[in-house]
Amino acid sequence: MLNFWSRDKAIIVSSIVFLILSLLDGTLTLWGLGQGAIEEVNPVMRWLIEENPIVFMTVKLSLTVMLGFVLWEIRDRSRKFVACSMWLVLIVYAAVMVLHIGWVMLYDQRI
């Protein structure tokens, strides 16, 4: 019983962390684009930003929430897949945050 609750808690906490990282990523991306410090490399997200930054953030955060719901729904059928997916998303967002920190530091030195 304890394992059940700890696994569910891990999915909930991970989903909240992913949502916060997604919000931070989107905010820093929009700020960096506004400053001319970066370019969006994802063509779909670039198009969304050009069309409407609010739609960009809505789609970005909605995808993160949907990921959390999917992981929640399949948690009992595929524990290993859920765990690997959570780690993969965490690693990708960690890499993105390192890139953001790098360009923020470089941009800060230019001013």
C-alpha atoms as a PDB file:
ATOM      1  CA  MET A   1       0.000   0.000   0.000  1.00  0.00           C
ATOM      2  CA  LEU A   2       2.826   2.427   0.831  1.00  0.00           C
ATOM      3  CA  ASN A   3       4.455   1.803  -2.562  1.00  0.00           C
ATOM      4  CA  PHE A   4       1.171   2.708  -4.301  1.00  0.00           C
ATOM      5  CA  TRP A   5       0.946   6.076  -2.571  1.00  0.00           C
ATOM      6  CA  SER A   6       4.614   6.933  -3.041  1.00  0.00           C
ATOM      7  CA  ARG A   7       4.430   6.130  -6.771  1.00  0.00           C
ATOM      8  CA  ASP A   8       1.291   8.238  -7.193  1.00  0.00           C
ATOM      9  CA  LYS A   9       2.873  11.049  -5.223  1.00  0.00           C
ATOM     10  CA  ALA A  10       5.963  10.897  -7.462  1.00  0.00           C
ATOM     11  CA  ILE A  11       3.787  11.281 -10.570  1.00  0.00           C
ATOM     12  CA  ILE A  12       1.906  14.218  -9.058  1.00  0.00           C
ATOM     13  CA  VAL A  13       5.059  15.980  -7.866  1.00  0.00           C
ATOM     14  CA  SER A  14       6.837  15.318 -11.173  1.00  0.00           C
ATOM     15  CA  SER A  15       3.895  16.719 -13.118  1.00  0.00           C
ATOM     16  CA  ILE A  16       3.920  19.885 -10.998  1.00  0.00           C
ATOM     17  CA  VAL A  17       7.701  20.236 -11.465  1.00  0.00           C
ATOM     18  CA  PHE A  18       7.296  19.746 -15.238  1.00  0.00           C
ATOM     19  CA  LEU A  19       4.572  22.403 -15.322  1.00  0.00           C
ATOM     20  CA  ILE A  20       6.788  24.878 -13.447  1.00  0.00           C
ATOM     21  CA  LEU A  21       9.753  24.116 -15.733  1.00  0.00           C
ATOM     22  CA  SER A  22       7.539  24.500 -18.790  1.00  0.00           C
ATOM     23  CA  LEU A  23       6.275  27.861 -17.535  1.00  0.00           C
ATOM     24  CA  LEU A  24       9.834  28.993 -16.825  1.00  0.00           C
ATOM     25  CA  ASP A  25      11.023  27.747 -20.230  1.00  0.00           C
ATOM     26  CA  GLY A  26       8.219  29.547 -22.051  1.00  0.00           C
ATOM     27  CA  THR A  27       8.708  32.768 -20.101  1.00  0.00           C
ATOM     28  CA  LEU A  28      12.469  32.814 -20.651  1.00  0.00           C
ATOM     29  CA  THR A  29      11.998  31.963 -24.320  1.00  0.00           C
ATOM     30  CA  LEU A  30       9.581  34.857 -24.847  1.00  0.00           C
ATOM     31  CA  TRP A  31      11.850  37.217 -22.904  1.00  0.00           C
ATOM     32  CA  GLY A  32      14.940  36.101 -24.845  1.00  0.00           C
ATOM     33  CA  LEU A  33      13.161  36.488 -28.163  1.00  0.00           C
ATOM     34  CA  GLY A  34      11.962  39.944 -27.158  1.00  0.00           C
ATOM     35  CA  GLN A  35      15.525  40.957 -26.299  1.00  0.00           C
ATOM     36  CA  GLY A  36      16.903  39.493 -29.522  1.00  0.00           C
ATOM     37  CA  ALA A  37      19.138  37.219 -27.468  1.00  0.00           C
ATOM     38  CA  ILE A  38      17.880  33.878 -28.802  1.00  0.00           C
ATOM     39  CA  GLU A  39      15.950  32.202 -31.598  1.00  0.00           C
ATOM     40  CA  GLU A  40      13.305  29.513 -31.166  1.00  0.00           C
ATOM     41  CA  VAL A  41      14.601  26.337 -32.815  1.00  0.00           C
ATOM     42  CA  ASN A  42      11.342  24.360 -32.715  1.00  0.00           C
ATOM     43  CA  PRO A  43       9.529  25.334 -35.936  1.00  0.00           C
ATOM     44  CA  VAL A  44       6.045  24.658 -34.541  1.00  0.00           C
ATOM     45  CA  MET A  45       6.656  26.721 -31.417  1.00  0.00           C
ATOM     46  CA  ARG A  46       8.332  29.435 -33.501  1.00  0.00           C
ATOM     47  CA  TRP A  47       5.204  29.659 -35.654  1.00  0.00           C
ATOM     48  CA  LEU A  48       2.966  29.786 -32.557  1.00  0.00           C
ATOM     49  CA  ILE A  49       5.092  32.572 -31.049  1.00  0.00           C
ATOM     50  CA  GLU A  50       4.916  34.550 -34.285  1.00  0.00           C
ATOM     51  CA  GLU A  51       1.138  34.091 -34.451  1.00  0.00           C
ATOM     52  CA  ASN A  52       0.356  34.807 -30.794  1.00  0.00           C
ATOM     53  CA  PRO A  53       2.609  34.447 -27.723  1.00  0.00           C
ATOM     54  CA  ILE A  54      -0.425  33.737 -25.515  1.00  0.00           C
ATOM     55  CA  VAL A  55      -1.406  30.832 -27.744  1.00  0.00           C
ATOM     56  CA  PHE A  56       2.217  29.638 -27.582  1.00  0.00           C
ATOM     57  CA  MET A  57       2.150  29.586 -23.767  1.00  0.00           C
ATOM     58  CA  THR A  58      -1.300  27.995 -23.704  1.00  0.00           C
ATOM     59  CA  VAL A  59      -0.218  25.189 -26.035  1.00  0.00           C
ATOM     60  CA  LYS A  60       3.090  24.714 -24.187  1.00  0.00           C
ATOM     61  CA  LEU A  61       1.444  24.421 -20.782  1.00  0.00           C
ATOM     62  CA  SER A  62      -1.452  22.335 -22.130  1.00  0.00           C
ATOM     63  CA  LEU A  63       0.983  19.778 -23.555  1.00  0.00           C
ATOM     64  CA  THR A  64       2.672  19.536 -20.166  1.00  0.00           C
ATOM     65  CA  VAL A  65      -0.644  19.046 -18.365  1.00  0.00           C
ATOM     66  CA  MET A  66      -1.695  16.413 -20.933  1.00  0.00           C
ATOM     67  CA  LEU A  67       1.575  14.551 -20.350  1.00  0.00           C
ATOM     68  CA  GLY A  68       0.826  14.504 -16.625  1.00  0.00           C
ATOM     69  CA  PHE A  69      -2.676  13.135 -17.246  1.00  0.00           C
ATOM     70  CA  VAL A  70      -1.401  10.450 -19.621  1.00  0.00           C
ATOM     71  CA  LEU A  71       1.257   9.322 -17.152  1.00  0.00           C
ATOM     72  CA  TRP A  72      -1.376   9.264 -14.420  1.00  0.00           C
ATOM     73  CA  GLU A  73      -3.787   7.194 -16.494  1.00  0.00           C
ATOM     74  CA  ILE A  74      -1.222   4.554 -17.480  1.00  0.00           C
ATOM     75  CA  ARG A  75       0.593   4.410 -14.132  1.00  0.00           C
ATOM     76  CA  ASP A  76      -0.764   0.953 -13.233  1.00  0.00           C
ATOM     77  CA  ARG A  77      -0.319  -0.600 -16.673  1.00  0.00           C
ATOM     78  CA  SER A  78       3.237   0.456 -17.408  1.00  0.00           C
ATOM     79  CA  ARG A  79       5.234   1.508 -14.365  1.00  0.00           C
ATOM     80  CA  LYS A  80       8.572   1.252 -16.147  1.00  0.00           C
ATOM     81  CA  PHE A  81       7.370   3.386 -19.081  1.00  0.00           C
ATOM     82  CA  VAL A  82       6.001   6.026 -16.704  1.00  0.00           C
ATOM     83  CA  ALA A  83       9.241   6.133 -14.716  1.00  0.00           C
ATOM     84  CA  CYS A  84      11.396   6.331 -17.865  1.00  0.00           C
ATOM     85  CA  SER A  85       9.145   9.033 -19.324  1.00  0.00           C
ATOM     86  CA  MET A  86       9.376  11.143 -16.175  1.00  0.00           C
ATOM     87  CA  TRP A  87      13.162  10.856 -16.155  1.00  0.00           C
ATOM     88  CA  LEU A  88      13.402  11.661 -19.863  1.00  0.00           C
ATOM     89  CA  VAL A  89      11.280  14.802 -19.487  1.00  0.00           C
ATOM     90  CA  LEU A  90      13.323  15.859 -16.457  1.00  0.00           C
ATOM     91  CA  ILE A  91      16.608  15.380 -18.334  1.00  0.00           C
ATOM     92  CA  VAL A  92      15.341  17.318 -21.366  1.00  0.00           C
ATOM     93  CA  TYR A  93      14.103  20.197 -19.217  1.00  0.00           C
ATOM     94  CA  ALA A  94      17.376  20.214 -17.261  1.00  0.00           C
ATOM     95  CA  ALA A  95      19.250  20.580 -20.556  1.00  0.00           C
ATOM     96  CA  VAL A  96      16.913  23.354 -21.686  1.00  0.00           C
ATOM     97  CA  MET A  97      17.409  25.187 -18.373  1.00  0.00           C
ATOM     98  CA  VAL A  98      21.201  24.920 -18.781  1.00  0.00           C
ATOM     99  CA  LEU A  99      20.846  26.489 -22.234  1.00  0.00           C
ATOM    100  CA  HIS A 100      18.649  29.249 -20.815  1.00  0.00           C
ATOM    101  CA  ILE A 101      21.141  29.961 -18.021  1.00  0.00           C
ATOM    102  CA  GLY A 102      23.942  30.076 -20.596  1.00  0.00           C
ATOM    103  CA  TRP A 103      22.282  32.586 -22.901  1.00  0.00           C
ATOM    104  CA  VAL A 104      21.024  34.710 -20.003  1.00  0.00           C
ATOM    105  CA  MET A 105      24.597  34.955 -18.685  1.00  0.00           C
ATOM    106  CA  LEU A 106      25.948  35.789 -22.148  1.00  0.00           C
ATOM    107  CA  TYR A 107      23.222  38.353 -22.741  1.00  0.00           C
ATOM    108  CA  ASP A 108      23.833  39.891 -19.312  1.00  0.00           C
ATOM    109  CA  GLN A 109      27.505  40.373 -20.202  1.00  0.00           C
ATOM    110  CA  ARG A 110      26.587  42.176 -23.436  1.00  0.00           C
ATOM    111  CA  ILE A 111      24.573  44.888 -21.711  1.00  0.00           C
END
